[in-house]
Amino acid sequence: MIATALERMTGKKFPADMRDEFLEGGAEINLVHSGLEDVMRST
């Protein structure tokens, strides 16, 4: 689990409210928007 790895590397606890959102992952539309934004920035 990425959050656990980050906790081990930093020695700090991953905030519970952020953990749920972080582990939930992006919805498909968010991934599309992100990819589109990246393409628009690079052109």
N, C-alpha and C. Protein backbone atom coordinates (compact mmCIF):
# COMPACT_ATOMS: atom_id res chain seq x y z
N MET A 1 0.84 -1.17 0.00
CA MET A 1 0.00 0.00 0.00
C MET A 1 0.89 1.24 0.00
N ILE A 2 0.60 2.17 -0.86
CA ILE A 2 1.44 3.35 -1.02
C ILE A 2 1.45 4.21 0.23
N ALA A 3 0.29 4.39 0.86
CA ALA A 3 0.22 5.23 2.06
C ALA A 3 1.11 4.66 3.16
N THR A 4 1.11 3.36 3.33
CA THR A 4 1.94 2.72 4.35
C THR A 4 3.43 2.90 4.03
N ALA A 5 3.78 2.78 2.77
CA ALA A 5 5.17 2.98 2.36
C ALA A 5 5.61 4.41 2.65
N LEU A 6 4.75 5.37 2.38
CA LEU A 6 5.07 6.77 2.67
C LEU A 6 5.25 6.99 4.17
N GLU A 7 4.41 6.35 4.98
CA GLU A 7 4.54 6.46 6.43
C GLU A 7 5.88 5.91 6.89
N ARG A 8 6.28 4.78 6.35
CA ARG A 8 7.55 4.18 6.74
C ARG A 8 8.73 5.03 6.31
N MET A 9 8.66 5.61 5.13
CA MET A 9 9.76 6.41 4.62
C MET A 9 9.91 7.73 5.37
N THR A 10 8.79 8.33 5.74
CA THR A 10 8.84 9.65 6.38
C THR A 10 8.82 9.58 7.89
N GLY A 11 8.36 8.44 8.44
CA GLY A 11 8.23 8.33 9.89
C GLY A 11 7.05 9.10 10.44
N LYS A 12 6.16 9.53 9.54
CA LYS A 12 4.98 10.28 9.96
C LYS A 12 3.73 9.54 9.55
N LYS A 13 2.67 9.74 10.31
CA LYS A 13 1.39 9.09 10.03
C LYS A 13 0.68 9.82 8.89
N PHE A 14 0.14 9.06 7.94
CA PHE A 14 -0.63 9.62 6.83
C PHE A 14 -1.97 10.06 7.39
N PRO A 15 -2.38 11.32 7.20
CA PRO A 15 -3.65 11.79 7.76
C PRO A 15 -4.83 10.95 7.28
N ALA A 16 -5.67 10.54 8.22
CA ALA A 16 -6.79 9.64 7.90
C ALA A 16 -7.73 10.24 6.86
N ASP A 17 -8.01 11.53 6.95
CA ASP A 17 -8.92 12.14 5.98
C ASP A 17 -8.33 12.15 4.58
N MET A 18 -7.04 12.30 4.48
CA MET A 18 -6.38 12.29 3.18
C MET A 18 -6.19 10.86 2.67
N ARG A 19 -6.00 9.92 3.58
CA ARG A 19 -5.76 8.53 3.20
C ARG A 19 -6.92 7.98 2.38
N ASP A 20 -8.15 8.21 2.84
CA ASP A 20 -9.32 7.69 2.13
C ASP A 20 -9.41 8.26 0.72
N GLU A 21 -9.20 9.56 0.60
CA GLU A 21 -9.27 10.20 -0.71
C GLU A 21 -8.12 9.74 -1.60
N PHE A 22 -6.94 9.62 -1.02
CA PHE A 22 -5.75 9.20 -1.76
C PHE A 22 -5.90 7.79 -2.31
N LEU A 23 -6.42 6.89 -1.48
CA LEU A 23 -6.53 5.49 -1.88
C LEU A 23 -7.73 5.23 -2.78
N GLU A 24 -8.68 6.15 -2.79
CA GLU A 24 -9.88 5.99 -3.61
C GLU A 24 -9.55 6.01 -5.10
N GLY A 25 -8.56 6.80 -5.47
CA GLY A 25 -8.17 6.89 -6.87
C GLY A 25 -9.04 7.86 -7.62
N GLY A 26 -8.64 8.19 -8.81
CA GLY A 26 -9.38 9.15 -9.61
C GLY A 26 -10.49 8.51 -10.40
N ALA A 27 -11.56 9.24 -10.52
CA ALA A 27 -12.65 8.80 -11.38
C ALA A 27 -12.19 8.93 -12.83
N GLU A 28 -12.80 8.20 -13.69
CA GLU A 28 -12.36 8.19 -15.09
C GLU A 28 -12.38 9.59 -15.69
N ILE A 29 -13.40 10.37 -15.41
CA ILE A 29 -13.49 11.72 -15.99
C ILE A 29 -12.35 12.60 -15.47
N ASN A 30 -11.94 12.42 -14.23
CA ASN A 30 -10.82 13.19 -13.69
C ASN A 30 -9.52 12.82 -14.40
N LEU A 31 -9.36 11.56 -14.73
CA LEU A 31 -8.17 11.13 -15.46
C LEU A 31 -8.15 11.71 -16.87
N VAL A 32 -9.31 11.78 -17.49
CA VAL A 32 -9.42 12.36 -18.83
C VAL A 32 -9.06 13.84 -18.78
N HIS A 33 -9.63 14.54 -17.80
CA HIS A 33 -9.34 15.98 -17.66
C HIS A 33 -7.86 16.21 -17.40
N SER A 34 -7.27 15.39 -16.54
CA SER A 34 -5.86 15.53 -16.22
C SER A 34 -4.99 15.32 -17.46
N GLY A 35 -5.30 14.30 -18.22
CA GLY A 35 -4.54 14.03 -19.44
C GLY A 35 -4.69 15.15 -20.45
N LEU A 36 -5.89 15.68 -20.58
CA LEU A 36 -6.14 16.79 -21.50
C LEU A 36 -5.37 18.03 -21.06
N GLU A 37 -5.37 18.28 -19.77
CA GLU A 37 -4.64 19.43 -19.23
C GLU A 37 -3.14 19.30 -19.52
N ASP A 38 -2.60 18.12 -19.34
CA ASP A 38 -1.18 17.89 -19.63
C ASP A 38 -0.84 18.14 -21.09
N VAL A 39 -1.70 17.68 -21.98
CA VAL A 39 -1.48 17.87 -23.42
C VAL A 39 -1.54 19.34 -23.75
N MET A 40 -2.49 20.05 -23.17
CA MET A 40 -2.65 21.48 -23.47
C MET A 40 -1.46 22.29 -22.95
N ARG A 41 -0.90 21.89 -21.83
CA ARG A 41 0.26 22.60 -21.29
C ARG A 41 1.49 22.40 -22.15
N SER A 42 1.63 21.21 -22.70
CA SER A 42 2.85 20.91 -23.45
C SER A 42 2.84 21.47 -24.87
N THR A 43 1.70 21.97 -25.31
CA THR A 43 1.65 22.51 -26.68
C THR A 43 1.74 24.01 -26.70
